[in-house]
């Protein structure tokens, strides 16, 4: 695919938010965020991650959340901070979760309520919860611009052949895929796309990112109990 070599997930989303600020970006149940609101929220969270937790470029940050708009909020904020997010499925066995966190050197997890403490007892790192999103300070700092060669996500294999293995994707990997997917599916800013894939699998990226680069709306399917 042909595209500007400097493009990243963060830069593509910022550009789209500037084009369609009032379009609905993410919907979950009765909650929704416009592109302007999502861009502002993730900017403030990214700055908070850097200033409060001293997040470093390409550092792995855990994300443990149920299905909600946080599936878009947390990864975008982490990428804007220059780091990489790592989905943590709270339904996984505790031993697997602990191994993944130790293996990827996770010291910070973005989550909600007491989910981390319930899924992974004894986690010694820091936890940011969704309740704190409402009190984030405004941001006037210039955020770092991630490079296309920087990693933005770490996904772990099932471990069926032994220990789970972390797979790293860099920005240019998913940017290339998104350009192809947008063209093949002919996504426009008038479309509404359903996000139904498990957040722990790579297909969640197909559900979310192509839509957010075209001005479309992502409707996140709730968990089925």
N, C-alpha and C. Protein backbone atom coordinates (compact mmCIF):
# COMPACT_ATOMS: atom_id res chain seq x y z
N UNK A 1 0.83 -1.19 0.00
CA UNK A 1 0.00 0.00 0.00
C UNK A 1 0.87 1.26 0.00
N UNK A 2 0.40 2.28 -0.69
CA UNK A 2 1.12 3.54 -0.72
C UNK A 2 0.55 4.49 0.34
N UNK A 3 1.41 5.00 1.19
CA UNK A 3 1.01 5.96 2.20
C UNK A 3 2.26 6.68 2.70
N UNK A 4 2.05 7.79 3.40
CA UNK A 4 3.19 8.55 3.91
C UNK A 4 3.98 7.70 4.90
N UNK A 5 5.27 7.57 4.71
CA UNK A 5 6.08 6.69 5.58
C UNK A 5 6.12 7.14 7.04
N UNK A 6 5.72 8.37 7.32
CA UNK A 6 5.76 8.88 8.70
C UNK A 6 4.48 8.57 9.47
N UNK A 7 3.48 7.99 8.83
CA UNK A 7 2.20 7.75 9.47
C UNK A 7 2.28 6.72 10.60
N UNK A 8 1.56 7.00 11.67
CA UNK A 8 1.41 6.05 12.78
C UNK A 8 -0.07 6.01 13.15
N UNK A 9 -0.43 5.10 14.04
CA UNK A 9 -1.81 5.06 14.50
C UNK A 9 -2.20 6.38 15.16
N UNK A 10 -1.30 6.95 15.94
CA UNK A 10 -1.58 8.20 16.64
C UNK A 10 -1.78 9.35 15.66
N UNK A 11 -0.91 9.46 14.67
CA UNK A 11 -1.01 10.57 13.72
C UNK A 11 -2.25 10.44 12.84
N UNK A 12 -2.60 9.23 12.46
CA UNK A 12 -3.79 9.03 11.63
C UNK A 12 -5.06 9.39 12.39
N UNK A 13 -5.10 9.03 13.67
CA UNK A 13 -6.29 9.38 14.45
C UNK A 13 -6.38 10.88 14.66
N UNK A 14 -5.27 11.53 14.97
CA UNK A 14 -5.29 12.98 15.15
C UNK A 14 -5.78 13.68 13.89
N UNK A 15 -5.31 13.24 12.75
CA UNK A 15 -5.70 13.86 11.48
C UNK A 15 -7.20 13.70 11.25
N UNK A 16 -7.73 12.51 11.56
CA UNK A 16 -9.15 12.28 11.36
C UNK A 16 -9.99 13.09 12.34
N UNK A 17 -9.52 13.22 13.58
CA UNK A 17 -10.24 14.01 14.58
C UNK A 17 -10.32 15.48 14.15
N UNK A 18 -9.29 15.96 13.46
CA UNK A 18 -9.31 17.33 12.97
C UNK A 18 -10.29 17.49 11.80
N UNK A 19 -10.45 16.43 10.99
CA UNK A 19 -11.36 16.49 9.84
C UNK A 19 -12.82 16.36 10.25
N UNK A 20 -13.11 15.45 11.18
CA UNK A 20 -14.50 15.17 11.55
C UNK A 20 -14.67 15.22 13.07
N UNK A 21 -14.43 16.37 13.69
CA UNK A 21 -14.46 16.45 15.16
C UNK A 21 -15.81 16.11 15.78
N UNK A 22 -16.88 16.37 15.06
CA UNK A 22 -18.20 16.16 15.63
C UNK A 22 -18.82 14.81 15.29
N UNK A 23 -18.15 14.03 14.47
CA UNK A 23 -18.63 12.67 14.20
C UNK A 23 -18.53 11.82 15.46
N UNK A 24 -19.41 10.86 15.58
CA UNK A 24 -19.35 9.94 16.71
C UNK A 24 -18.26 8.91 16.44
N UNK A 25 -17.30 8.82 17.34
CA UNK A 25 -16.17 7.90 17.16
C UNK A 25 -16.46 6.53 17.76
N UNK A 26 -16.89 6.51 19.02
CA UNK A 26 -17.08 5.25 19.73
C UNK A 26 -18.42 5.26 20.46
N UNK A 27 -19.12 4.13 20.38
CA UNK A 27 -20.40 3.97 21.07
C UNK A 27 -20.37 2.68 21.87
N UNK A 28 -20.81 2.77 23.12
CA UNK A 28 -20.99 1.57 23.94
C UNK A 28 -22.23 1.77 24.80
N UNK A 29 -23.24 0.96 24.54
CA UNK A 29 -24.52 1.08 25.23
C UNK A 29 -25.04 2.51 25.08
N UNK A 30 -25.25 3.21 26.20
CA UNK A 30 -25.79 4.57 26.12
C UNK A 30 -24.70 5.64 26.19
N UNK A 31 -23.44 5.22 26.06
CA UNK A 31 -22.32 6.16 26.12
C UNK A 31 -21.70 6.32 24.74
N UNK A 32 -21.28 7.52 24.43
CA UNK A 32 -20.61 7.75 23.16
C UNK A 32 -19.63 8.91 23.28
N UNK A 33 -18.63 8.87 22.41
CA UNK A 33 -17.61 9.91 22.37
C UNK A 33 -17.47 10.38 20.93
N UNK A 34 -17.45 11.70 20.72
CA UNK A 34 -17.14 12.23 19.41
C UNK A 34 -15.63 12.14 19.18
N UNK A 35 -15.22 12.40 17.94
CA UNK A 35 -13.79 12.38 17.66
C UNK A 35 -13.07 13.46 18.47
N UNK A 36 -13.69 14.61 18.63
CA UNK A 36 -13.07 15.68 19.43
C UNK A 36 -12.93 15.23 20.88
N UNK A 37 -13.97 14.64 21.43
CA UNK A 37 -13.94 14.20 22.82
C UNK A 37 -12.92 13.08 23.03
N UNK A 38 -12.89 12.14 22.11
CA UNK A 38 -11.94 11.02 22.23
C UNK A 38 -10.50 11.51 22.09
N UNK A 39 -10.28 12.45 21.19
CA UNK A 39 -8.94 12.99 21.01
C UNK A 39 -8.49 13.76 22.25
N UNK A 40 -9.39 14.57 22.82
CA UNK A 40 -9.04 15.34 24.02
C UNK A 40 -8.81 14.42 25.22
N UNK A 41 -9.68 13.44 25.39
CA UNK A 41 -9.54 12.52 26.53
C UNK A 41 -8.24 11.74 26.45
N UNK A 42 -7.91 11.23 25.29
CA UNK A 42 -6.69 10.42 25.15
C UNK A 42 -5.44 11.29 25.23
N UNK A 43 -5.53 12.55 24.80
CA UNK A 43 -4.40 13.47 24.99
C UNK A 43 -4.13 13.68 26.48
N UNK A 44 -5.19 13.93 27.24
CA UNK A 44 -5.03 14.19 28.67
C UNK A 44 -4.53 12.96 29.41
N UNK A 45 -5.04 11.79 29.02
CA UNK A 45 -4.57 10.56 29.66
C UNK A 45 -3.13 10.27 29.29
N UNK A 46 -2.76 10.49 28.04
CA UNK A 46 -1.37 10.27 27.61
C UNK A 46 -0.42 11.15 28.42
N UNK A 47 -0.76 12.42 28.58
CA UNK A 47 0.08 13.34 29.35
C UNK A 47 0.16 12.89 30.81
N UNK A 48 -0.95 12.41 31.34
CA UNK A 48 -0.98 11.94 32.73
C UNK A 48 -0.08 10.72 32.91
N UNK A 49 -0.11 9.81 31.93
CA UNK A 49 0.74 8.62 32.01
C UNK A 49 2.22 9.00 32.03
N UNK A 50 2.56 10.01 31.26
CA UNK A 50 3.96 10.45 31.20
C UNK A 50 4.36 11.18 32.48
N UNK A 51 3.51 12.11 32.92
CA UNK A 51 3.86 12.94 34.07
C UNK A 51 3.72 12.23 35.41
N UNK A 52 2.69 11.41 35.54
CA UNK A 52 2.44 10.73 36.81
C UNK A 52 3.23 9.43 36.93
N UNK A 53 3.23 8.63 35.88
CA UNK A 53 3.85 7.30 35.94
C UNK A 53 5.19 7.22 35.20
N UNK A 54 5.59 8.32 34.58
CA UNK A 54 6.89 8.38 33.88
C UNK A 54 7.00 7.27 32.83
N UNK A 55 5.94 7.10 32.07
CA UNK A 55 5.93 6.10 31.00
C UNK A 55 6.99 6.46 29.96
N UNK A 56 7.73 5.45 29.53
CA UNK A 56 8.84 5.62 28.60
C UNK A 56 8.47 5.15 27.19
N UNK A 57 9.15 5.65 26.16
CA UNK A 57 8.88 5.21 24.79
C UNK A 57 8.99 3.69 24.65
N UNK A 58 8.00 3.11 24.03
CA UNK A 58 7.92 1.68 23.74
C UNK A 58 7.75 0.80 24.98
N UNK A 59 7.58 1.41 26.14
CA UNK A 59 7.32 0.61 27.33
C UNK A 59 6.00 -0.13 27.20
N UNK A 60 5.93 -1.33 27.72
CA UNK A 60 4.71 -2.13 27.67
C UNK A 60 3.80 -1.76 28.84
N UNK A 61 2.56 -1.38 28.52
CA UNK A 61 1.57 -1.00 29.52
C UNK A 61 0.39 -1.97 29.41
N UNK A 62 0.00 -2.58 30.51
CA UNK A 62 -1.09 -3.53 30.48
C UNK A 62 -2.45 -2.84 30.39
N UNK A 63 -3.39 -3.49 29.71
CA UNK A 63 -4.78 -3.01 29.65
C UNK A 63 -5.69 -4.18 30.00
N UNK A 64 -6.39 -4.06 31.13
CA UNK A 64 -7.31 -5.11 31.56
C UNK A 64 -8.68 -4.47 31.75
N UNK A 65 -9.58 -4.69 30.80
CA UNK A 65 -10.89 -4.07 30.85
C UNK A 65 -11.94 -4.97 30.23
N UNK A 66 -13.16 -4.83 30.72
CA UNK A 66 -14.28 -5.50 30.08
C UNK A 66 -14.58 -4.76 28.79
N UNK A 67 -15.46 -5.28 27.98
CA UNK A 67 -15.81 -4.65 26.72
C UNK A 67 -16.51 -3.31 26.99
N UNK A 68 -15.96 -2.24 26.45
CA UNK A 68 -16.53 -0.90 26.62
C UNK A 68 -15.74 0.05 25.73
N UNK A 69 -16.07 1.34 25.83
CA UNK A 69 -15.34 2.35 25.07
C UNK A 69 -13.87 2.42 25.47
N UNK A 70 -13.52 1.84 26.62
CA UNK A 70 -12.13 1.83 27.06
C UNK A 70 -11.23 1.03 26.11
N UNK A 71 -11.83 0.14 25.32
CA UNK A 71 -11.06 -0.62 24.33
C UNK A 71 -10.43 0.31 23.29
N UNK A 72 -11.00 1.49 23.12
CA UNK A 72 -10.42 2.49 22.22
C UNK A 72 -9.65 3.55 22.99
N UNK A 73 -10.17 3.95 24.15
CA UNK A 73 -9.56 5.03 24.93
C UNK A 73 -8.16 4.65 25.42
N UNK A 74 -8.04 3.53 26.09
CA UNK A 74 -6.76 3.15 26.69
C UNK A 74 -5.65 2.94 25.65
N UNK A 75 -5.88 2.14 24.58
CA UNK A 75 -4.80 1.95 23.61
C UNK A 75 -4.35 3.25 22.94
N UNK A 76 -5.31 4.11 22.56
CA UNK A 76 -4.94 5.36 21.91
C UNK A 76 -4.11 6.24 22.83
N UNK A 77 -4.49 6.32 24.09
CA UNK A 77 -3.74 7.13 25.05
C UNK A 77 -2.33 6.58 25.24
N UNK A 78 -2.21 5.28 25.35
CA UNK A 78 -0.90 4.65 25.52
C UNK A 78 -0.01 4.91 24.31
N UNK A 79 -0.59 4.81 23.11
CA UNK A 79 0.18 5.09 21.90
C UNK A 79 0.60 6.54 21.83
N UNK A 80 -0.29 7.45 22.23
CA UNK A 80 0.05 8.87 22.22
C UNK A 80 1.16 9.18 23.21
N UNK A 81 1.28 8.36 24.25
CA UNK A 81 2.37 8.52 25.21
C UNK A 81 3.67 7.91 24.69
N UNK A 82 3.60 7.29 23.51
CA UNK A 82 4.78 6.68 22.90
C UNK A 82 5.03 5.25 23.32
N UNK A 83 4.12 4.68 24.10
CA UNK A 83 4.32 3.33 24.63
C UNK A 83 3.52 2.30 23.82
N UNK A 84 3.54 1.06 24.31
CA UNK A 84 2.82 -0.03 23.65
C UNK A 84 1.85 -0.65 24.64
N UNK A 85 0.65 -0.97 24.20
CA UNK A 85 -0.32 -1.57 25.10
C UNK A 85 -0.31 -3.09 24.97
N UNK A 86 -0.67 -3.75 26.06
CA UNK A 86 -0.73 -5.21 26.07
C UNK A 86 -2.06 -5.65 26.68
N UNK A 87 -2.99 -6.18 25.88
CA UNK A 87 -4.27 -6.64 26.40
C UNK A 87 -4.09 -7.78 27.41
N UNK A 88 -4.83 -7.69 28.51
CA UNK A 88 -4.81 -8.72 29.54
C UNK A 88 -6.25 -9.16 29.77
N UNK A 89 -6.58 -10.37 29.38
CA UNK A 89 -7.94 -10.90 29.53
C UNK A 89 -8.14 -11.36 30.96
N UNK A 90 -9.06 -10.70 31.68
CA UNK A 90 -9.25 -11.02 33.10
C UNK A 90 -9.87 -12.39 33.33
N UNK A 91 -10.32 -13.06 32.26
CA UNK A 91 -10.86 -14.41 32.40
C UNK A 91 -9.77 -15.48 32.29
N UNK A 92 -8.56 -15.07 31.94
CA UNK A 92 -7.45 -16.02 31.83
C UNK A 92 -7.04 -16.52 33.22
N UNK A 93 -6.43 -17.70 33.27
CA UNK A 93 -5.90 -18.19 34.56
C UNK A 93 -4.89 -17.20 35.13
N UNK A 94 -4.87 -17.08 36.44
CA UNK A 94 -4.00 -16.12 37.09
C UNK A 94 -2.53 -16.39 36.79
N UNK A 95 -2.16 -17.65 36.72
CA UNK A 95 -0.76 -18.00 36.44
C UNK A 95 -0.32 -17.45 35.08
N UNK A 96 -1.22 -17.56 34.09
CA UNK A 96 -0.88 -17.05 32.75
C UNK A 96 -0.73 -15.53 32.78
N UNK A 97 -1.64 -14.85 33.44
CA UNK A 97 -1.58 -13.39 33.51
C UNK A 97 -0.29 -12.93 34.19
N UNK A 98 0.06 -13.59 35.29
CA UNK A 98 1.28 -13.22 36.01
C UNK A 98 2.51 -13.44 35.13
N UNK A 99 2.53 -14.56 34.40
CA UNK A 99 3.67 -14.84 33.52
C UNK A 99 3.79 -13.76 32.44
N UNK A 100 2.66 -13.41 31.82
CA UNK A 100 2.69 -12.39 30.77
C UNK A 100 3.22 -11.07 31.29
N UNK A 101 2.77 -10.67 32.46
CA UNK A 101 3.20 -9.39 33.04
C UNK A 101 4.68 -9.41 33.40
N UNK A 102 5.14 -10.51 33.95
CA UNK A 102 6.55 -10.63 34.29
C UNK A 102 7.42 -10.67 33.03
N UNK A 103 6.96 -11.40 32.03
CA UNK A 103 7.72 -11.56 30.80
C UNK A 103 7.85 -10.24 30.04
N UNK A 104 6.80 -9.41 30.09
CA UNK A 104 6.80 -8.14 29.36
C UNK A 104 7.19 -6.95 30.24
N UNK A 105 7.57 -7.22 31.49
CA UNK A 105 7.98 -6.17 32.43
C UNK A 105 6.89 -5.12 32.65
N UNK A 106 5.67 -5.60 32.86
CA UNK A 106 4.54 -4.70 33.09
C UNK A 106 4.60 -4.14 34.52
N UNK A 107 4.65 -2.82 34.63
CA UNK A 107 4.64 -2.19 35.96
C UNK A 107 3.40 -1.32 36.16
N UNK A 108 2.62 -1.16 35.09
CA UNK A 108 1.41 -0.33 35.14
C UNK A 108 0.31 -0.98 34.33
N UNK A 109 -0.89 -1.05 34.90
CA UNK A 109 -2.05 -1.60 34.20
C UNK A 109 -3.18 -0.58 34.23
N UNK A 110 -3.78 -0.33 33.08
CA UNK A 110 -4.95 0.51 32.98
C UNK A 110 -6.18 -0.40 33.01
N UNK A 111 -7.08 -0.12 33.95
CA UNK A 111 -8.17 -1.06 34.16
C UNK A 111 -9.42 -0.32 34.63
N UNK A 112 -10.24 -1.01 35.42
CA UNK A 112 -11.48 -0.45 35.96
C UNK A 112 -11.79 -1.11 37.29
N UNK A 113 -12.21 -0.32 38.25
CA UNK A 113 -12.58 -0.79 39.57
C UNK A 113 -11.53 -1.74 40.15
N UNK A 114 -11.96 -2.91 40.64
CA UNK A 114 -11.03 -3.85 41.28
C UNK A 114 -10.68 -5.03 40.39
N UNK A 115 -10.81 -4.86 39.08
CA UNK A 115 -10.64 -5.99 38.17
C UNK A 115 -9.26 -6.62 38.26
N UNK A 116 -8.21 -5.82 38.35
CA UNK A 116 -6.85 -6.37 38.42
C UNK A 116 -6.66 -7.16 39.70
N UNK A 117 -7.10 -6.62 40.82
CA UNK A 117 -6.94 -7.30 42.10
C UNK A 117 -7.71 -8.62 42.14
N UNK A 118 -8.84 -8.67 41.45
CA UNK A 118 -9.63 -9.90 41.41
C UNK A 118 -9.02 -10.95 40.50
N UNK A 119 -8.43 -10.50 39.39
CA UNK A 119 -7.89 -11.45 38.40
C UNK A 119 -6.46 -11.86 38.69
N UNK A 120 -5.70 -10.99 39.37
CA UNK A 120 -4.27 -11.24 39.55
C UNK A 120 -3.86 -10.77 40.94
N UNK A 121 -4.10 -11.59 41.91
CA UNK A 121 -3.74 -11.23 43.29
C UNK A 121 -2.22 -11.08 43.42
N UNK A 122 -1.83 -10.11 44.20
CA UNK A 122 -0.40 -9.94 44.43
C UNK A 122 0.32 -9.11 43.39
N UNK A 123 -0.41 -8.50 42.43
CA UNK A 123 0.25 -7.64 41.45
C UNK A 123 0.89 -6.45 42.19
N UNK A 124 2.18 -6.26 42.00
CA UNK A 124 2.93 -5.27 42.77
C UNK A 124 3.05 -3.93 42.06
N UNK A 125 2.59 -3.87 40.82
CA UNK A 125 2.72 -2.62 40.07
C UNK A 125 1.62 -1.63 40.39
N UNK A 126 1.53 -0.58 39.57
CA UNK A 126 0.52 0.46 39.76
C UNK A 126 -0.68 0.21 38.87
N UNK A 127 -1.84 0.72 39.31
CA UNK A 127 -3.09 0.50 38.59
C UNK A 127 -3.80 1.84 38.41
N UNK A 128 -4.15 2.14 37.17
CA UNK A 128 -4.97 3.30 36.87
C UNK A 128 -6.36 2.78 36.52
N UNK A 129 -7.40 3.33 37.13
CA UNK A 129 -8.75 2.86 36.87
C UNK A 129 -9.58 3.91 36.15
N UNK A 130 -10.63 3.43 35.49
CA UNK A 130 -11.48 4.30 34.68
C UNK A 130 -12.11 5.41 35.49
N UNK A 131 -12.31 5.18 36.77
CA UNK A 131 -12.90 6.20 37.63
C UNK A 131 -12.05 7.48 37.66
N UNK A 132 -10.75 7.33 37.43
CA UNK A 132 -9.85 8.49 37.47
C UNK A 132 -9.88 9.30 36.18
N UNK A 133 -10.55 8.79 35.14
CA UNK A 133 -10.63 9.53 33.88
C UNK A 133 -11.37 10.85 34.05
N UNK A 134 -12.31 10.88 34.99
CA UNK A 134 -13.14 12.07 35.17
C UNK A 134 -12.38 13.23 35.82
N UNK A 135 -11.24 12.94 36.41
CA UNK A 135 -10.50 13.99 37.12
C UNK A 135 -9.13 14.27 36.50
N UNK A 136 -8.94 13.86 35.26
CA UNK A 136 -7.65 14.11 34.60
C UNK A 136 -7.45 15.61 34.39
N UNK A 137 -6.26 16.12 34.66
CA UNK A 137 -6.00 17.54 34.42
C UNK A 137 -5.96 17.85 32.94
N UNK A 138 -6.16 19.12 32.59
CA UNK A 138 -6.03 19.53 31.19
C UNK A 138 -4.57 19.39 30.77
N UNK A 139 -4.37 19.28 29.48
CA UNK A 139 -3.01 19.06 28.99
C UNK A 139 -2.58 20.16 28.04
N UNK A 140 -1.50 20.83 28.38
CA UNK A 140 -0.91 21.83 27.49
C UNK A 140 0.48 21.41 27.03
N UNK A 141 0.89 20.20 27.43
CA UNK A 141 2.21 19.71 27.06
C UNK A 141 2.19 19.14 25.64
N UNK A 142 3.30 19.23 24.99
CA UNK A 142 3.45 18.61 23.67
C UNK A 142 3.75 17.13 23.88
N UNK A 143 2.92 16.29 23.32
CA UNK A 143 3.10 14.85 23.47
C UNK A 143 4.13 14.34 22.47
N UNK A 144 4.80 13.24 22.80
CA UNK A 144 5.78 12.68 21.87
C UNK A 144 5.10 12.13 20.63
N UNK A 145 5.79 12.16 19.52
CA UNK A 145 5.28 11.57 18.28
C UNK A 145 5.94 10.22 18.08
N UNK A 146 5.20 9.12 18.23
CA UNK A 146 5.83 7.81 18.03
C UNK A 146 6.32 7.64 16.60
N UNK A 147 7.37 6.88 16.44
CA UNK A 147 7.92 6.60 15.12
C UNK A 147 7.22 5.38 14.52
N UNK A 148 7.15 5.30 13.19
CA UNK A 148 6.54 4.13 12.55
C UNK A 148 7.21 2.81 12.95
N UNK A 149 8.48 2.88 13.31
CA UNK A 149 9.21 1.66 13.67
C UNK A 149 9.04 1.28 15.13
N UNK A 150 8.33 2.11 15.90
CA UNK A 150 8.14 1.80 17.31
C UNK A 150 7.00 0.80 17.50
N UNK A 151 7.12 -0.01 18.53
CA UNK A 151 6.06 -0.98 18.82
C UNK A 151 4.88 -0.27 19.46
N UNK A 152 3.67 -0.78 19.14
CA UNK A 152 2.47 -0.17 19.72
C UNK A 152 1.60 -1.19 20.43
N UNK A 153 1.83 -2.48 20.22
CA UNK A 153 1.02 -3.51 20.88
C UNK A 153 1.86 -4.76 21.07
N UNK A 154 1.56 -5.49 22.15
CA UNK A 154 2.18 -6.79 22.40
C UNK A 154 1.04 -7.77 22.64
N UNK A 155 1.00 -8.82 21.85
CA UNK A 155 -0.05 -9.85 21.96
C UNK A 155 0.61 -11.19 22.25
N UNK A 156 0.03 -11.94 23.16
CA UNK A 156 0.61 -13.22 23.53
C UNK A 156 -0.13 -14.38 22.87
N UNK A 157 0.65 -15.36 22.44
CA UNK A 157 0.08 -16.56 21.83
C UNK A 157 -0.63 -17.39 22.90
N UNK A 158 -1.35 -18.41 22.46
CA UNK A 158 -2.13 -19.23 23.38
C UNK A 158 -1.25 -20.07 24.31
N UNK A 159 -0.02 -20.34 23.88
CA UNK A 159 0.86 -21.18 24.69
C UNK A 159 0.60 -22.65 24.52
N UNK A 160 -0.11 -23.02 23.45
CA UNK A 160 -0.44 -24.43 23.24
C UNK A 160 0.78 -25.29 22.96
N UNK A 161 1.88 -24.68 22.53
CA UNK A 161 3.11 -25.42 22.26
C UNK A 161 4.16 -25.18 23.34
N UNK A 162 3.72 -24.68 24.49
CA UNK A 162 4.65 -24.38 25.58
C UNK A 162 4.25 -23.09 26.25
N UNK A 163 5.21 -22.30 26.63
CA UNK A 163 4.94 -21.01 27.25
C UNK A 163 4.33 -20.04 26.22
N UNK A 164 3.37 -19.19 26.65
CA UNK A 164 2.88 -18.14 25.74
C UNK A 164 4.03 -17.24 25.30
N UNK A 165 3.99 -16.82 24.06
CA UNK A 165 5.08 -16.00 23.51
C UNK A 165 4.53 -14.64 23.10
N UNK A 166 5.24 -13.59 23.46
CA UNK A 166 4.81 -12.23 23.12
C UNK A 166 5.17 -11.89 21.68
N UNK A 167 4.19 -11.39 20.93
CA UNK A 167 4.39 -10.98 19.54
C UNK A 167 4.25 -9.46 19.47
N UNK A 168 5.24 -8.82 18.92
CA UNK A 168 5.28 -7.36 18.86
C UNK A 168 4.89 -6.87 17.47
N UNK A 169 3.99 -5.88 17.43
CA UNK A 169 3.66 -5.21 16.18
C UNK A 169 4.10 -3.76 16.27
N UNK A 170 4.61 -3.25 15.16
CA UNK A 170 5.03 -1.86 15.09
C UNK A 170 3.99 -1.04 14.33
N UNK A 171 4.03 0.26 14.50
CA UNK A 171 3.02 1.12 13.89
C UNK A 171 2.87 0.89 12.38
N UNK A 172 4.00 0.78 11.68
CA UNK A 172 3.90 0.67 10.23
C UNK A 172 3.21 -0.63 9.80
N UNK A 173 3.26 -1.66 10.64
CA UNK A 173 2.57 -2.91 10.34
C UNK A 173 1.07 -2.69 10.21
N UNK A 174 0.47 -2.08 11.25
CA UNK A 174 -0.98 -1.91 11.28
C UNK A 174 -1.43 -0.79 10.36
N UNK A 175 -0.59 0.22 10.16
CA UNK A 175 -0.95 1.31 9.24
C UNK A 175 -1.12 0.76 7.83
N UNK A 176 -0.20 -0.09 7.42
CA UNK A 176 -0.29 -0.71 6.10
C UNK A 176 -1.58 -1.53 5.97
N UNK A 177 -1.86 -2.32 7.00
CA UNK A 177 -3.07 -3.14 6.99
C UNK A 177 -4.33 -2.27 6.92
N UNK A 178 -4.37 -1.19 7.72
CA UNK A 178 -5.55 -0.33 7.75
C UNK A 178 -5.83 0.31 6.40
N UNK A 179 -4.78 0.79 5.73
CA UNK A 179 -4.97 1.37 4.41
C UNK A 179 -5.58 0.35 3.45
N UNK A 180 -5.07 -0.88 3.51
CA UNK A 180 -5.62 -1.93 2.66
C UNK A 180 -7.07 -2.24 3.01
N UNK A 181 -7.35 -2.38 4.30
CA UNK A 181 -8.69 -2.76 4.77
C UNK A 181 -9.72 -1.68 4.43
N UNK A 182 -9.36 -0.43 4.61
CA UNK A 182 -10.26 0.68 4.29
C UNK A 182 -10.61 0.67 2.81
N UNK A 183 -9.60 0.40 1.98
CA UNK A 183 -9.85 0.36 0.54
C UNK A 183 -10.70 -0.84 0.15
N UNK A 184 -10.39 -2.01 0.68
CA UNK A 184 -11.10 -3.23 0.29
C UNK A 184 -12.55 -3.23 0.76
N UNK A 185 -12.80 -2.72 1.96
CA UNK A 185 -14.15 -2.73 2.52
C UNK A 185 -14.91 -1.45 2.16
N UNK A 186 -14.18 -0.46 1.63
CA UNK A 186 -14.77 0.82 1.21
C UNK A 186 -15.44 1.54 2.38
N UNK A 187 -14.71 1.66 3.49
CA UNK A 187 -15.24 2.33 4.68
C UNK A 187 -15.28 3.85 4.44
N UNK A 188 -16.37 4.48 4.86
CA UNK A 188 -16.50 5.93 4.75
C UNK A 188 -16.87 6.50 6.11
N UNK A 189 -16.89 7.82 6.23
CA UNK A 189 -17.22 8.48 7.49
C UNK A 189 -18.69 8.33 7.85
N UNK A 190 -19.50 7.82 6.93
CA UNK A 190 -20.92 7.61 7.21
C UNK A 190 -21.22 6.22 7.74
N UNK A 191 -20.20 5.39 7.83
CA UNK A 191 -20.41 3.99 8.23
C UNK A 191 -20.40 3.82 9.74
N UNK A 192 -21.04 2.74 10.17
CA UNK A 192 -21.02 2.31 11.58
C UNK A 192 -20.54 0.87 11.59
N UNK A 193 -19.48 0.62 12.31
CA UNK A 193 -18.87 -0.71 12.33
C UNK A 193 -19.03 -1.35 13.71
N UNK A 194 -19.31 -2.64 13.73
CA UNK A 194 -19.49 -3.37 14.98
C UNK A 194 -18.18 -3.98 15.43
N UNK A 195 -17.77 -3.70 16.65
CA UNK A 195 -16.57 -4.30 17.24
C UNK A 195 -16.99 -5.45 18.13
N UNK A 196 -16.73 -6.67 17.68
CA UNK A 196 -17.18 -7.85 18.42
C UNK A 196 -16.06 -8.80 18.80
N UNK A 197 -14.86 -8.59 18.27
CA UNK A 197 -13.75 -9.50 18.54
C UNK A 197 -13.27 -9.37 19.99
N UNK A 198 -12.72 -10.45 20.51
CA UNK A 198 -12.14 -10.43 21.85
C UNK A 198 -10.96 -9.46 21.86
N UNK A 199 -10.90 -8.61 22.89
CA UNK A 199 -9.85 -7.60 22.97
C UNK A 199 -8.47 -8.23 23.07
N UNK A 200 -8.38 -9.46 23.52
CA UNK A 200 -7.10 -10.12 23.64
C UNK A 200 -6.56 -10.70 22.35
N UNK A 201 -7.37 -10.71 21.28
CA UNK A 201 -6.94 -11.25 20.01
C UNK A 201 -6.63 -10.12 19.02
N UNK A 202 -5.80 -10.43 18.03
CA UNK A 202 -5.37 -9.38 17.10
C UNK A 202 -6.52 -8.81 16.28
N UNK A 203 -7.62 -9.54 16.12
CA UNK A 203 -8.72 -9.04 15.28
C UNK A 203 -9.42 -7.82 15.90
N UNK A 204 -9.18 -7.53 17.18
CA UNK A 204 -9.79 -6.32 17.74
C UNK A 204 -9.28 -5.08 17.03
N UNK A 205 -8.07 -5.16 16.47
CA UNK A 205 -7.51 -4.01 15.76
C UNK A 205 -8.25 -3.76 14.46
N UNK A 206 -8.69 -4.82 13.81
CA UNK A 206 -9.47 -4.69 12.58
C UNK A 206 -10.83 -4.06 12.85
N UNK A 207 -11.38 -4.35 14.02
CA UNK A 207 -12.69 -3.80 14.40
C UNK A 207 -12.63 -2.30 14.70
N UNK A 208 -11.51 -1.84 15.22
CA UNK A 208 -11.46 -0.48 15.77
C UNK A 208 -10.71 0.52 14.87
N UNK A 209 -9.46 0.22 14.51
CA UNK A 209 -8.61 1.25 13.92
C UNK A 209 -9.01 1.71 12.51
N UNK A 210 -9.36 0.83 11.58
CA UNK A 210 -9.77 1.35 10.26
C UNK A 210 -10.93 2.34 10.35
N UNK A 211 -11.87 2.07 11.25
CA UNK A 211 -13.01 2.99 11.42
C UNK A 211 -12.56 4.35 11.91
N UNK A 212 -11.65 4.36 12.88
CA UNK A 212 -11.22 5.61 13.49
C UNK A 212 -10.31 6.43 12.59
N UNK A 213 -9.89 5.87 11.46
CA UNK A 213 -9.06 6.61 10.51
C UNK A 213 -9.88 7.13 9.34
N UNK A 214 -11.20 6.88 9.37
CA UNK A 214 -12.05 7.32 8.26
C UNK A 214 -13.22 8.18 8.72
N UNK A 215 -13.36 8.39 10.02
CA UNK A 215 -14.47 9.18 10.53
C UNK A 215 -15.72 8.38 10.79
N UNK A 216 -15.62 7.06 10.70
CA UNK A 216 -16.76 6.18 10.96
C UNK A 216 -16.96 6.00 12.46
N UNK A 217 -18.05 5.34 12.83
CA UNK A 217 -18.36 5.09 14.25
C UNK A 217 -18.13 3.62 14.57
N UNK A 218 -17.46 3.38 15.70
CA UNK A 218 -17.25 2.02 16.20
C UNK A 218 -18.28 1.75 17.28
N UNK A 219 -19.11 0.74 17.08
CA UNK A 219 -20.10 0.34 18.07
C UNK A 219 -19.59 -0.94 18.74
N UNK A 220 -19.25 -0.85 20.02
CA UNK A 220 -18.63 -1.97 20.73
C UNK A 220 -19.70 -2.84 21.35
N UNK A 221 -19.68 -4.10 20.97
CA UNK A 221 -20.64 -5.09 21.49
C UNK A 221 -20.31 -5.38 22.94
N UNK A 222 -21.33 -5.42 23.79
CA UNK A 222 -21.11 -5.71 25.20
C UNK A 222 -20.82 -7.18 25.42
N UNK A 223 -20.26 -7.51 26.58
CA UNK A 223 -19.98 -8.90 26.91
C UNK A 223 -21.29 -9.66 27.06
N UNK A 224 -21.25 -10.94 26.70
CA UNK A 224 -22.41 -11.81 26.84
C UNK A 224 -22.18 -12.72 28.03
N UNK A 225 -22.99 -12.57 29.06
CA UNK A 225 -22.80 -13.35 30.28
C UNK A 225 -23.58 -14.65 30.19
